[in-house]
Amino acid sequence: MRSNDSHQIKAGKKTKFQEIKLKIKKSQQLYLFVLPAFLVLLIFSYGPMYGIIIAFKDYMPSLGIIGSPWVGFKHFQRFFESYYFWDLIKNTLGISIYSLVVSFPLPIILALALNEIKDGPFKKITQTVTYAPNFIAVVVMVGMIIAFLSPSTGMINHFLNFLGFSRINFMTDPKWFKTIYVLSGVWQGTGWGSVIYLAALSGVDTQLHEAATIDGASRLQRVWYINLPTIMPTMVILLIMSFGSLMSVGFEKVILMQNPLNMESSNVIATFVYQQGLLDAQYSFASAVGLFNSVINSILLLVVNHVAKRLSDSSLL
């Protein structure tokens, strides 16, 4: 009996292997097409993850990663017990949540509005004006922000002065940093973010709108009961992904907008890792902080994905 069972198991494995081999052979062109992207991801994304172990070591370049002594959770403990730990968490979450609350619904509203506009010059101009800021480089964007908000020559302060208000040095005032960061991001990304929702709206069955119109539904009712449910799965997926990067505030923009006077609000985990790792050469400590940040993002992603899966049919997994 045992010999028969083992023969059946082997035959089953052989059949499965043959099926997989046949599938690969049928789709070999597609696999070859994906291969370069897979290799890039493997070499430049997963390969460097080997270096994570220096977060648990006192890394010294002269000894190398393997030769450096193990210290366990020493660097994590140092970070958790530091006086700046809660300040970094507060600033990072403050900017991220502020940005999520303000910027997440705006592309949806813009997409729904553009979808209701008939094709013509006005719609094309609107799309061009809203999409164009996305293609401005971060360095150029921050340069524009600094120029517009300059207390002496900035157009915003000229306008405030014209209205009778005193000039404000926005870039050196910590209380303005988050607002400037978020609103400039909204201006730059809202138009481009609406493209995904417009693509989802293109799949709406026109017969549903025709039937609703015959039944006397207003435009607002058709948007609420037809368009919104259609793009809801896309909204859920993008919301999950947004929560998965909640602790990852854009490093380049923050570091360019940062100065000693607004450090109280602008010092986030990403800039702290840059300072500790590259400027102060504390490689192990910076790796530990970066790993902590990544783990929190992963946990948030899994939790929000689980909640979304239970509340709706849309999820990443």
C-alpha atoms as a PDB file:
ATOM      1  CA  MET A   1       0.000   0.000   0.000  1.00  0.00           C
ATOM      2  CA  ARG A   2       2.766   2.403   0.959  1.00  0.00           C
ATOM      3  CA  SER A   3       4.594   1.798  -2.315  1.00  0.00           C
ATOM      4  CA  ASN A   4       1.389   2.482  -4.262  1.00  0.00           C
ATOM      5  CA  ASP A   5       0.832   5.719  -2.322  1.00  0.00           C
ATOM      6  CA  SER A   6       4.370   6.872  -2.982  1.00  0.00           C
ATOM      7  CA  HIS A   7       3.951   6.084  -6.687  1.00  0.00           C
ATOM      8  CA  GLN A   8       0.719   8.108  -6.773  1.00  0.00           C
ATOM      9  CA  ILE A   9       2.371  11.052  -5.011  1.00  0.00           C
ATOM     10  CA  LYS A  10       5.281  10.980  -7.438  1.00  0.00           C
ATOM     11  CA  ALA A  11       2.893  10.715 -10.392  1.00  0.00           C
ATOM     12  CA  GLY A  12       0.885  13.660  -9.049  1.00  0.00           C
ATOM     13  CA  LYS A  13       4.017  15.787  -8.611  1.00  0.00           C
ATOM     14  CA  LYS A  14       5.159  14.852 -12.096  1.00  0.00           C
ATOM     15  CA  THR A  15       1.767  15.829 -13.545  1.00  0.00           C
ATOM     16  CA  LYS A  16       1.842  19.202 -11.753  1.00  0.00           C
ATOM     17  CA  PHE A  17       5.388  19.835 -12.938  1.00  0.00           C
ATOM     18  CA  GLN A  18       4.362  19.027 -16.506  1.00  0.00           C
ATOM     19  CA  GLU A  19       1.387  21.415 -16.232  1.00  0.00           C
ATOM     20  CA  ILE A  20       3.608  24.246 -14.965  1.00  0.00           C
ATOM     21  CA  LYS A  21       6.161  23.523 -17.681  1.00  0.00           C
ATOM     22  CA  LEU A  22       3.414  23.590 -20.321  1.00  0.00           C
ATOM     23  CA  LYS A  23       2.051  26.918 -19.018  1.00  0.00           C
ATOM     24  CA  ILE A  24       5.542  28.461 -19.065  1.00  0.00           C
ATOM     25  CA  LYS A  25       6.112  27.174 -22.584  1.00  0.00           C
ATOM     26  CA  LYS A  26       2.810  28.645 -23.790  1.00  0.00           C
ATOM     27  CA  SER A  27       3.518  32.040 -22.224  1.00  0.00           C
ATOM     28  CA  GLN A  28       7.297  32.111 -22.678  1.00  0.00           C
ATOM     29  CA  GLN A  29       7.163  35.386 -24.642  1.00  0.00           C
ATOM     30  CA  LEU A  30       5.302  37.089 -21.792  1.00  0.00           C
ATOM     31  CA  TYR A  31       7.797  35.755 -19.247  1.00  0.00           C
ATOM     32  CA  LEU A  32      10.687  37.006 -21.372  1.00  0.00           C
ATOM     33  CA  PHE A  33       8.980  40.389 -21.574  1.00  0.00           C
ATOM     34  CA  VAL A  34       8.663  40.553 -17.753  1.00  0.00           C
ATOM     35  CA  LEU A  35      12.174  39.175 -17.095  1.00  0.00           C
ATOM     36  CA  PRO A  36      14.116  42.511 -17.327  1.00  0.00           C
ATOM     37  CA  ALA A  37      11.756  44.204 -14.855  1.00  0.00           C
ATOM     38  CA  PHE A  38      11.970  41.191 -12.545  1.00  0.00           C
ATOM     39  CA  LEU A  39      15.786  41.264 -12.630  1.00  0.00           C
ATOM     40  CA  VAL A  40      15.868  45.012 -11.928  1.00  0.00           C
ATOM     41  CA  LEU A  41      13.537  44.516  -8.967  1.00  0.00           C
ATOM     42  CA  LEU A  42      15.565  41.559  -7.700  1.00  0.00           C
ATOM     43  CA  ILE A  43      18.961  43.261  -8.016  1.00  0.00           C
ATOM     44  CA  PHE A  44      18.131  46.807  -6.921  1.00  0.00           C
ATOM     45  CA  SER A  45      15.208  46.277  -4.511  1.00  0.00           C
ATOM     46  CA  TYR A  46      15.504  42.854  -2.899  1.00  0.00           C
ATOM     47  CA  GLY A  47      19.294  42.411  -3.152  1.00  0.00           C
ATOM     48  CA  PRO A  48      20.166  45.427  -0.975  1.00  0.00           C
ATOM     49  CA  MET A  49      17.785  44.163   1.748  1.00  0.00           C
ATOM     50  CA  TYR A  50      20.687  41.987   2.868  1.00  0.00           C
ATOM     51  CA  GLY A  51      22.151  45.163   4.376  1.00  0.00           C
ATOM     52  CA  ILE A  52      19.266  45.383   6.868  1.00  0.00           C
ATOM     53  CA  ILE A  53      21.263  43.250   9.287  1.00  0.00           C
ATOM     54  CA  ILE A  54      23.551  46.205  10.079  1.00  0.00           C
ATOM     55  CA  ALA A  55      20.600  47.575  12.101  1.00  0.00           C
ATOM     56  CA  PHE A  56      21.422  44.814  14.596  1.00  0.00           C
ATOM     57  CA  LYS A  57      25.189  45.392  14.486  1.00  0.00           C
ATOM     58  CA  ASP A  58      27.738  48.085  15.257  1.00  0.00           C
ATOM     59  CA  TYR A  59      28.679  48.406  11.618  1.00  0.00           C
ATOM     60  CA  MET A  60      32.220  49.474  10.828  1.00  0.00           C
ATOM     61  CA  PRO A  61      33.238  49.735   7.154  1.00  0.00           C
ATOM     62  CA  SER A  62      36.704  48.395   7.942  1.00  0.00           C
ATOM     63  CA  LEU A  63      35.208  45.148   9.294  1.00  0.00           C
ATOM     64  CA  GLY A  64      32.416  44.810   6.745  1.00  0.00           C
ATOM     65  CA  ILE A  65      28.862  43.672   7.343  1.00  0.00           C
ATOM     66  CA  ILE A  66      29.797  40.132   8.371  1.00  0.00           C
ATOM     67  CA  GLY A  67      32.729  41.122  10.577  1.00  0.00           C
ATOM     68  CA  SER A  68      30.936  43.864  12.518  1.00  0.00           C
ATOM     69  CA  PRO A  69      29.839  42.830  16.043  1.00  0.00           C
ATOM     70  CA  TRP A  70      26.199  42.013  16.848  1.00  0.00           C
ATOM     71  CA  VAL A  71      24.443  44.348  19.313  1.00  0.00           C
ATOM     72  CA  GLY A  72      20.847  43.119  19.048  1.00  0.00           C
ATOM     73  CA  PHE A  73      18.208  45.827  19.578  1.00  0.00           C
ATOM     74  CA  LYS A  74      20.631  48.408  20.983  1.00  0.00           C
ATOM     75  CA  HIS A  75      20.011  50.975  18.219  1.00  0.00           C
ATOM     76  CA  PHE A  76      16.228  50.516  18.360  1.00  0.00           C
ATOM     77  CA  GLN A  77      16.275  51.044  22.110  1.00  0.00           C
ATOM     78  CA  ARG A  78      18.414  54.157  21.691  1.00  0.00           C
ATOM     79  CA  PHE A  79      15.914  55.571  19.206  1.00  0.00           C
ATOM     80  CA  PHE A  80      12.837  54.755  21.321  1.00  0.00           C
ATOM     81  CA  GLU A  81      14.398  56.322  24.436  1.00  0.00           C
ATOM     82  CA  SER A  82      15.680  59.452  22.694  1.00  0.00           C
ATOM     83  CA  TYR A  83      14.112  62.844  23.430  1.00  0.00           C
ATOM     84  CA  TYR A  84      13.372  63.450  19.734  1.00  0.00           C
ATOM     85  CA  PHE A  85      11.477  60.164  19.150  1.00  0.00           C
ATOM     86  CA  TRP A  86       7.974  61.543  19.729  1.00  0.00           C
ATOM     87  CA  ASP A  87       8.759  64.773  17.883  1.00  0.00           C
ATOM     88  CA  LEU A  88       9.741  62.791  14.776  1.00  0.00           C
ATOM     89  CA  ILE A  89       6.634  60.584  15.025  1.00  0.00           C
ATOM     90  CA  LYS A  90       4.393  63.621  15.563  1.00  0.00           C
ATOM     91  CA  ASN A  91       5.843  65.529  12.595  1.00  0.00           C
ATOM     92  CA  THR A  92       5.792  62.510  10.261  1.00  0.00           C
ATOM     93  CA  LEU A  93       2.234  61.486  11.114  1.00  0.00           C
ATOM     94  CA  GLY A  94       1.077  65.115  11.208  1.00  0.00           C
ATOM     95  CA  ILE A  95       2.211  65.774   7.638  1.00  0.00           C
ATOM     96  CA  SER A  96       1.036  62.377   6.347  1.00  0.00           C
ATOM     97  CA  ILE A  97      -2.451  62.478   7.882  1.00  0.00           C
ATOM     98  CA  TYR A  98      -2.919  66.134   6.916  1.00  0.00           C
ATOM     99  CA  SER A  99      -1.907  65.282   3.355  1.00  0.00           C
ATOM    100  CA  LEU A 100      -4.149  62.189   3.241  1.00  0.00           C
ATOM    101  CA  VAL A 101      -7.229  64.027   4.537  1.00  0.00           C
ATOM    102  CA  VAL A 102      -6.795  66.948   2.134  1.00  0.00           C
ATOM    103  CA  SER A 103      -5.332  65.361  -0.981  1.00  0.00           C
ATOM    104  CA  PHE A 104      -7.129  61.989  -1.161  1.00  0.00           C
ATOM    105  CA  PRO A 105     -10.681  63.220  -1.936  1.00  0.00           C
ATOM    106  CA  LEU A 106      -9.687  66.029  -4.325  1.00  0.00           C
ATOM    107  CA  PRO A 107      -8.669  63.815  -7.307  1.00  0.00           C
ATOM    108  CA  ILE A 108     -11.993  61.983  -6.921  1.00  0.00           C
ATOM    109  CA  ILE A 109     -13.971  65.237  -6.977  1.00  0.00           C
ATOM    110  CA  LEU A 110     -11.950  66.535  -9.944  1.00  0.00           C
ATOM    111  CA  ALA A 111     -12.426  63.282 -11.884  1.00  0.00           C
ATOM    112  CA  LEU A 112     -16.185  63.296 -11.258  1.00  0.00           C
ATOM    113  CA  ALA A 113     -16.374  66.941 -12.344  1.00  0.00           C
ATOM    114  CA  LEU A 114     -14.300  66.390 -15.508  1.00  0.00           C
ATOM    115  CA  ASN A 115     -16.396  63.347 -16.358  1.00  0.00           C
ATOM    116  CA  GLU A 116     -19.532  65.517 -16.383  1.00  0.00           C
ATOM    117  CA  ILE A 117     -18.002  68.094 -18.743  1.00  0.00           C
ATOM    118  CA  LYS A 118     -18.647  67.528 -22.450  1.00  0.00           C
ATOM    119  CA  ASP A 119     -15.648  67.017 -24.711  1.00  0.00           C
ATOM    120  CA  GLY A 120     -14.426  70.327 -26.062  1.00  0.00           C
ATOM    121  CA  PRO A 121     -11.801  73.068 -25.718  1.00  0.00           C
ATOM    122  CA  PHE A 122     -12.772  73.902 -22.115  1.00  0.00           C
ATOM    123  CA  LYS A 123     -12.326  70.305 -20.947  1.00  0.00           C
ATOM    124  CA  LYS A 124      -8.982  69.943 -22.741  1.00  0.00           C
ATOM    125  CA  ILE A 125      -7.642  73.198 -21.293  1.00  0.00           C
ATOM    126  CA  THR A 126      -8.804  72.215 -17.792  1.00  0.00           C
ATOM    127  CA  GLN A 127      -7.124  68.830 -18.037  1.00  0.00           C
ATOM    128  CA  THR A 128      -3.878  70.355 -19.319  1.00  0.00           C
ATOM    129  CA  VAL A 129      -3.811  72.990 -16.560  1.00  0.00           C
ATOM    130  CA  THR A 130      -4.451  70.426 -13.810  1.00  0.00           C
ATOM    131  CA  TYR A 131      -2.099  67.739 -15.181  1.00  0.00           C
ATOM    132  CA  ALA A 132       0.872  70.011 -16.016  1.00  0.00           C
ATOM    133  CA  PRO A 133       2.140  70.648 -12.425  1.00  0.00           C
ATOM    134  CA  ASN A 134       2.830  66.924 -12.002  1.00  0.00           C
ATOM    135  CA  PHE A 135       5.712  67.193 -14.485  1.00  0.00           C
ATOM    136  CA  ILE A 136       7.501  69.942 -12.555  1.00  0.00           C
ATOM    137  CA  ALA A 137      10.631  68.634 -10.820  1.00  0.00           C
ATOM    138  CA  VAL A 138      10.672  68.734  -7.017  1.00  0.00           C
ATOM    139  CA  VAL A 139      13.648  71.116  -6.975  1.00  0.00           C
ATOM    140  CA  VAL A 140      11.881  73.513  -9.350  1.00  0.00           C
ATOM    141  CA  MET A 141       8.667  73.204  -7.339  1.00  0.00           C
ATOM    142  CA  VAL A 142      10.388  74.153  -4.067  1.00  0.00           C
ATOM    143  CA  GLY A 143      12.179  77.019  -5.828  1.00  0.00           C
ATOM    144  CA  MET A 144       8.791  78.311  -6.991  1.00  0.00           C
ATOM    145  CA  ILE A 145       7.364  77.979  -3.465  1.00  0.00           C
ATOM    146  CA  ILE A 146      10.265  79.935  -1.955  1.00  0.00           C
ATOM    147  CA  ALA A 147       9.961  82.629  -4.643  1.00  0.00           C
ATOM    148  CA  PHE A 148       6.171  82.988  -4.254  1.00  0.00           C
ATOM    149  CA  LEU A 149       6.345  83.114  -0.439  1.00  0.00           C
ATOM    150  CA  SER A 150       9.358  85.409  -0.115  1.00  0.00           C
ATOM    151  CA  PRO A 151       8.606  88.128   2.495  1.00  0.00           C
ATOM    152  CA  SER A 152      10.165  90.855   0.325  1.00  0.00           C
ATOM    153  CA  THR A 153       9.524  89.884  -3.307  1.00  0.00           C
ATOM    154  CA  GLY A 154       6.938  87.069  -3.141  1.00  0.00           C
ATOM    155  CA  MET A 155       3.623  87.595  -4.894  1.00  0.00           C
ATOM    156  CA  ILE A 156       1.680  86.119  -1.936  1.00  0.00           C
ATOM    157  CA  ASN A 157       3.115  88.702   0.468  1.00  0.00           C
ATOM    158  CA  HIS A 158       2.546  91.490  -2.061  1.00  0.00           C
ATOM    159  CA  PHE A 159      -1.097  90.438  -2.208  1.00  0.00           C
ATOM    160  CA  LEU A 160      -1.365  90.320   1.607  1.00  0.00           C
ATOM    161  CA  ASN A 161       0.238  93.753   1.826  1.00  0.00           C
ATOM    162  CA  PHE A 162      -2.229  95.066  -0.764  1.00  0.00           C
ATOM    163  CA  LEU A 163      -5.118  93.819   1.385  1.00  0.00           C
ATOM    164  CA  GLY A 164      -3.667  95.586   4.410  1.00  0.00           C
ATOM    165  CA  PHE A 165      -2.131  92.606   6.184  1.00  0.00           C
ATOM    166  CA  SER A 166       1.456  92.464   7.406  1.00  0.00           C
ATOM    167  CA  ARG A 167       3.991  90.390   5.503  1.00  0.00           C
ATOM    168  CA  ILE A 168       4.632  86.846   6.724  1.00  0.00           C
ATOM    169  CA  ASN A 169       7.894  84.922   6.487  1.00  0.00           C
ATOM    170  CA  PHE A 170       6.187  81.618   5.700  1.00  0.00           C
ATOM    171  CA  MET A 171       9.302  79.486   5.187  1.00  0.00           C
ATOM    172  CA  THR A 172      10.812  80.280   8.598  1.00  0.00           C
ATOM    173  CA  ASP A 173       7.608  79.909  10.609  1.00  0.00           C
ATOM    174  CA  PRO A 174       7.185  76.293  11.837  1.00  0.00           C
ATOM    175  CA  LYS A 175       3.387  76.541  12.025  1.00  0.00           C
ATOM    176  CA  TRP A 176       3.142  77.156   8.250  1.00  0.00           C
ATOM    177  CA  PHE A 177       5.405  74.299   7.133  1.00  0.00           C
ATOM    178  CA  LYS A 178       2.812  71.492   7.061  1.00  0.00           C
ATOM    179  CA  THR A 179       0.230  73.625   5.277  1.00  0.00           C
ATOM    180  CA  ILE A 180       2.708  74.768   2.619  1.00  0.00           C
ATOM    181  CA  TYR A 181       3.915  71.194   2.103  1.00  0.00           C
ATOM    182  CA  VAL A 182       0.411  69.747   1.786  1.00  0.00           C
ATOM    183  CA  LEU A 183      -1.188  72.481  -0.353  1.00  0.00           C
ATOM    184  CA  SER A 184       1.734  72.581  -2.789  1.00  0.00           C
ATOM    185  CA  GLY A 185       1.433  68.787  -3.072  1.00  0.00           C
ATOM    186  CA  VAL A 186      -2.301  69.120  -3.744  1.00  0.00           C
ATOM    187  CA  TRP A 187      -1.635  71.635  -6.517  1.00  0.00           C
ATOM    188  CA  GLN A 188       1.001  69.387  -8.062  1.00  0.00           C
ATOM    189  CA  GLY A 189      -0.672  65.999  -7.765  1.00  0.00           C
ATOM    190  CA  THR A 190      -4.455  66.411  -7.869  1.00  0.00           C
ATOM    191  CA  GLY A 191      -4.761  66.540 -11.664  1.00  0.00           C
ATOM    192  CA  TRP A 192      -2.534  63.551 -12.252  1.00  0.00           C
ATOM    193  CA  GLY A 193      -4.243  61.575  -9.478  1.00  0.00           C
ATOM    194  CA  SER A 194      -7.608  62.082 -11.183  1.00  0.00           C
ATOM    195  CA  VAL A 195      -6.399  60.168 -14.283  1.00  0.00           C
ATOM    196  CA  ILE A 196      -6.876  56.810 -12.518  1.00  0.00           C
ATOM    197  CA  TYR A 197     -10.431  57.667 -11.530  1.00  0.00           C
ATOM    198  CA  LEU A 198     -11.252  58.955 -15.020  1.00  0.00           C
ATOM    199  CA  ALA A 199     -10.053  55.638 -16.412  1.00  0.00           C
ATOM    200  CA  ALA A 200     -12.355  53.817 -13.978  1.00  0.00           C
ATOM    201  CA  LEU A 201     -15.266  56.105 -14.895  1.00  0.00           C
ATOM    202  CA  SER A 202     -14.793  55.278 -18.567  1.00  0.00           C
ATOM    203  CA  GLY A 203     -16.067  51.782 -17.753  1.00  0.00           C
ATOM    204  CA  VAL A 204     -19.464  53.016 -16.566  1.00  0.00           C
ATOM    205  CA  ASP A 205     -22.292  51.565 -18.666  1.00  0.00           C
ATOM    206  CA  THR A 206     -24.018  54.469 -20.467  1.00  0.00           C
ATOM    207  CA  GLN A 207     -27.294  52.534 -20.376  1.00  0.00           C
ATOM    208  CA  LEU A 208     -27.365  52.973 -16.585  1.00  0.00           C
ATOM    209  CA  HIS A 209     -27.277  56.757 -17.008  1.00  0.00           C
ATOM    210  CA  GLU A 210     -29.942  56.619 -19.714  1.00  0.00           C
ATOM    211  CA  ALA A 211     -32.226  54.520 -17.539  1.00  0.00           C
ATOM    212  CA  ALA A 212     -31.664  56.796 -14.528  1.00  0.00           C
ATOM    213  CA  THR A 213     -32.411  59.894 -16.639  1.00  0.00           C
ATOM    214  CA  ILE A 214     -35.673  58.353 -17.859  1.00  0.00           C
ATOM    215  CA  ASP A 215     -36.599  57.602 -14.227  1.00  0.00           C
ATOM    216  CA  GLY A 216     -36.095  61.284 -13.387  1.00  0.00           C
ATOM    217  CA  ALA A 217     -32.729  61.098 -11.597  1.00  0.00           C
ATOM    218  CA  SER A 218     -30.807  64.366 -11.422  1.00  0.00           C
ATOM    219  CA  ARG A 219     -27.153  64.684 -12.438  1.00  0.00           C
ATOM    220  CA  LEU A 220     -26.065  64.699  -8.801  1.00  0.00           C
ATOM    221  CA  GLN A 221     -28.084  61.540  -8.099  1.00  0.00           C
ATOM    222  CA  ARG A 222     -26.535  59.794 -11.105  1.00  0.00           C
ATOM    223  CA  VAL A 223     -23.057  60.732  -9.907  1.00  0.00           C
ATOM    224  CA  TRP A 224     -23.844  59.503  -6.383  1.00  0.00           C
ATOM    225  CA  TYR A 225     -25.602  56.248  -7.244  1.00  0.00           C
ATOM    226  CA  ILE A 226     -23.816  55.231 -10.475  1.00  0.00           C
ATOM    227  CA  ASN A 227     -20.393  56.853 -10.810  1.00  0.00           C
ATOM    228  CA  LEU A 228     -19.262  56.665  -7.178  1.00  0.00           C
ATOM    229  CA  PRO A 229     -20.071  52.927  -6.738  1.00  0.00           C
ATOM    230  CA  THR A 230     -18.181  52.237  -9.989  1.00  0.00           C
ATOM    231  CA  ILE A 231     -14.955  53.851  -8.783  1.00  0.00           C
ATOM    232  CA  MET A 232     -15.323  52.638  -5.173  1.00  0.00           C
ATOM    233  CA  PRO A 233     -12.998  49.590  -5.628  1.00  0.00           C
ATOM    234  CA  THR A 234     -10.328  51.895  -7.097  1.00  0.00           C
ATOM    235  CA  MET A 235     -10.788  54.305  -4.197  1.00  0.00           C
ATOM    236  CA  VAL A 236     -10.370  51.500  -1.651  1.00  0.00           C
ATOM    237  CA  ILE A 237      -7.195  50.157  -3.290  1.00  0.00           C
ATOM    238  CA  LEU A 238      -5.603  53.621  -3.467  1.00  0.00           C
ATOM    239  CA  LEU A 239      -6.605  54.331   0.142  1.00  0.00           C
ATOM    240  CA  ILE A 240      -4.951  51.096   1.290  1.00  0.00           C
ATOM    241  CA  MET A 241      -1.776  52.017  -0.592  1.00  0.00           C
ATOM    242  CA  SER A 242      -1.862  55.516   0.922  1.00  0.00           C
ATOM    243  CA  PHE A 243      -2.024  54.054   4.421  1.00  0.00           C
ATOM    244  CA  GLY A 244       0.846  51.722   3.511  1.00  0.00           C
ATOM    245  CA  SER A 245       3.075  54.751   2.938  1.00  0.00           C
ATOM    246  CA  LEU A 246       1.714  56.856   5.808  1.00  0.00           C
ATOM    247  CA  MET A 247       5.113  57.058   7.519  1.00  0.00           C
ATOM    248  CA  SER A 248       6.987  57.740   4.277  1.00  0.00           C
ATOM    249  CA  VAL A 249       6.862  61.508   3.869  1.00  0.00           C
ATOM    250  CA  GLY A 250       8.533  62.690   0.649  1.00  0.00           C
ATOM    251  CA  PHE A 251      12.175  63.149   1.621  1.00  0.00           C
ATOM    252  CA  GLU A 252      13.346  65.345  -1.268  1.00  0.00           C
ATOM    253  CA  LYS A 253      10.690  67.998  -0.851  1.00  0.00           C
ATOM    254  CA  VAL A 254      11.048  68.166   2.938  1.00  0.00           C
ATOM    255  CA  ILE A 255      14.842  68.469   2.869  1.00  0.00           C
ATOM    256  CA  LEU A 256      14.647  71.229   0.258  1.00  0.00           C
ATOM    257  CA  MET A 257      12.037  73.188   2.227  1.00  0.00           C
ATOM    258  CA  GLN A 258      13.780  72.632   5.540  1.00  0.00           C
ATOM    259  CA  ASN A 259      15.834  75.282   7.325  1.00  0.00           C
ATOM    260  CA  PRO A 260      17.054  75.747  10.931  1.00  0.00           C
ATOM    261  CA  LEU A 261      14.085  77.971  11.813  1.00  0.00           C
ATOM    262  CA  ASN A 262      11.312  75.554  10.739  1.00  0.00           C
ATOM    263  CA  MET A 263      13.061  72.400  12.006  1.00  0.00           C
ATOM    264  CA  GLU A 264      10.502  72.112  14.787  1.00  0.00           C
ATOM    265  CA  SER A 265       7.862  71.073  12.244  1.00  0.00           C
ATOM    266  CA  SER A 266       9.945  69.838   9.312  1.00  0.00           C
ATOM    267  CA  ASN A 267      12.194  67.251  10.956  1.00  0.00           C
ATOM    268  CA  VAL A 268      10.644  63.900   9.975  1.00  0.00           C
ATOM    269  CA  ILE A 269      11.930  60.328  10.093  1.00  0.00           C
ATOM    270  CA  ALA A 270      13.187  60.398   6.480  1.00  0.00           C
ATOM    271  CA  THR A 271      15.311  63.526   7.004  1.00  0.00           C
ATOM    272  CA  PHE A 272      16.521  62.208  10.361  1.00  0.00           C
ATOM    273  CA  VAL A 273      17.735  58.979   8.711  1.00  0.00           C
ATOM    274  CA  TYR A 274      19.537  61.051   6.062  1.00  0.00           C
ATOM    275  CA  GLN A 275      21.232  63.176   8.694  1.00  0.00           C
ATOM    276  CA  GLN A 276      22.268  60.274  10.913  1.00  0.00           C
ATOM    277  CA  GLY A 277      23.283  57.893   8.141  1.00  0.00           C
ATOM    278  CA  LEU A 278      24.987  60.081   5.541  1.00  0.00           C
ATOM    279  CA  LEU A 279      26.022  63.230   7.394  1.00  0.00           C
ATOM    280  CA  ASP A 280      26.943  61.748  10.786  1.00  0.00           C
ATOM    281  CA  ALA A 281      28.003  58.312   9.429  1.00  0.00           C
ATOM    282  CA  GLN A 282      25.955  56.423  12.057  1.00  0.00           C
ATOM    283  CA  TYR A 283      25.048  53.702   9.599  1.00  0.00           C
ATOM    284  CA  SER A 284      23.662  51.117  12.017  1.00  0.00           C
ATOM    285  CA  PHE A 285      21.548  53.613  13.929  1.00  0.00           C
ATOM    286  CA  ALA A 286      20.128  55.096  10.713  1.00  0.00           C
ATOM    287  CA  SER A 287      19.363  51.596   9.395  1.00  0.00           C
ATOM    288  CA  ALA A 288      17.519  50.754  12.610  1.00  0.00           C
ATOM    289  CA  VAL A 289      15.378  53.897  12.357  1.00  0.00           C
ATOM    290  CA  GLY A 290      14.673  53.221   8.660  1.00  0.00           C
ATOM    291  CA  LEU A 291      13.752  49.599   9.405  1.00  0.00           C
ATOM    292  CA  PHE A 292      11.395  50.709  12.174  1.00  0.00           C
ATOM    293  CA  ASN A 293       9.713  53.074   9.708  1.00  0.00           C
ATOM    294  CA  SER A 294       9.317  50.314   7.096  1.00  0.00           C
ATOM    295  CA  VAL A 295       7.898  47.845   9.624  1.00  0.00           C
ATOM    296  CA  ILE A 296       5.272  50.371  10.785  1.00  0.00           C
ATOM    297  CA  ASN A 297       4.287  51.009   7.142  1.00  0.00           C
ATOM    298  CA  SER A 298       3.962  47.264   6.523  1.00  0.00           C
ATOM    299  CA  ILE A 299       1.798  46.782   9.615  1.00  0.00           C
ATOM    300  CA  LEU A 300      -0.458  49.683   8.619  1.00  0.00           C
ATOM    301  CA  LEU A 301      -0.787  48.250   5.107  1.00  0.00           C
ATOM    302  CA  LEU A 302      -1.782  44.796   6.378  1.00  0.00           C
ATOM    303  CA  VAL A 303      -4.214  46.139   8.986  1.00  0.00           C
ATOM    304  CA  VAL A 304      -5.987  48.528   6.597  1.00  0.00           C
ATOM    305  CA  ASN A 305      -6.072  45.843   3.892  1.00  0.00           C
ATOM    306  CA  HIS A 306      -7.661  43.403   6.376  1.00  0.00           C
ATOM    307  CA  VAL A 307     -10.259  45.980   7.441  1.00  0.00           C
ATOM    308  CA  ALA A 308     -11.062  46.834   3.812  1.00  0.00           C
ATOM    309  CA  LYS A 309     -11.424  43.148   2.981  1.00  0.00           C
ATOM    310  CA  ARG A 310     -13.922  42.655   5.799  1.00  0.00           C
ATOM    311  CA  LEU A 311     -15.932  45.785   5.028  1.00  0.00           C
ATOM    312  CA  SER A 312     -15.925  45.480   1.228  1.00  0.00           C
ATOM    313  CA  ASP A 313     -14.973  43.129  -1.583  1.00  0.00           C
ATOM    314  CA  SER A 314     -11.926  45.241  -2.542  1.00  0.00           C
ATOM    315  CA  SER A 315      -8.439  44.587  -1.165  1.00  0.00           C
ATOM    316  CA  LEU A 316      -4.858  44.096  -2.283  1.00  0.00           C
ATOM    317  CA  LEU A 317      -4.690  40.456  -1.216  1.00  0.00           C
END
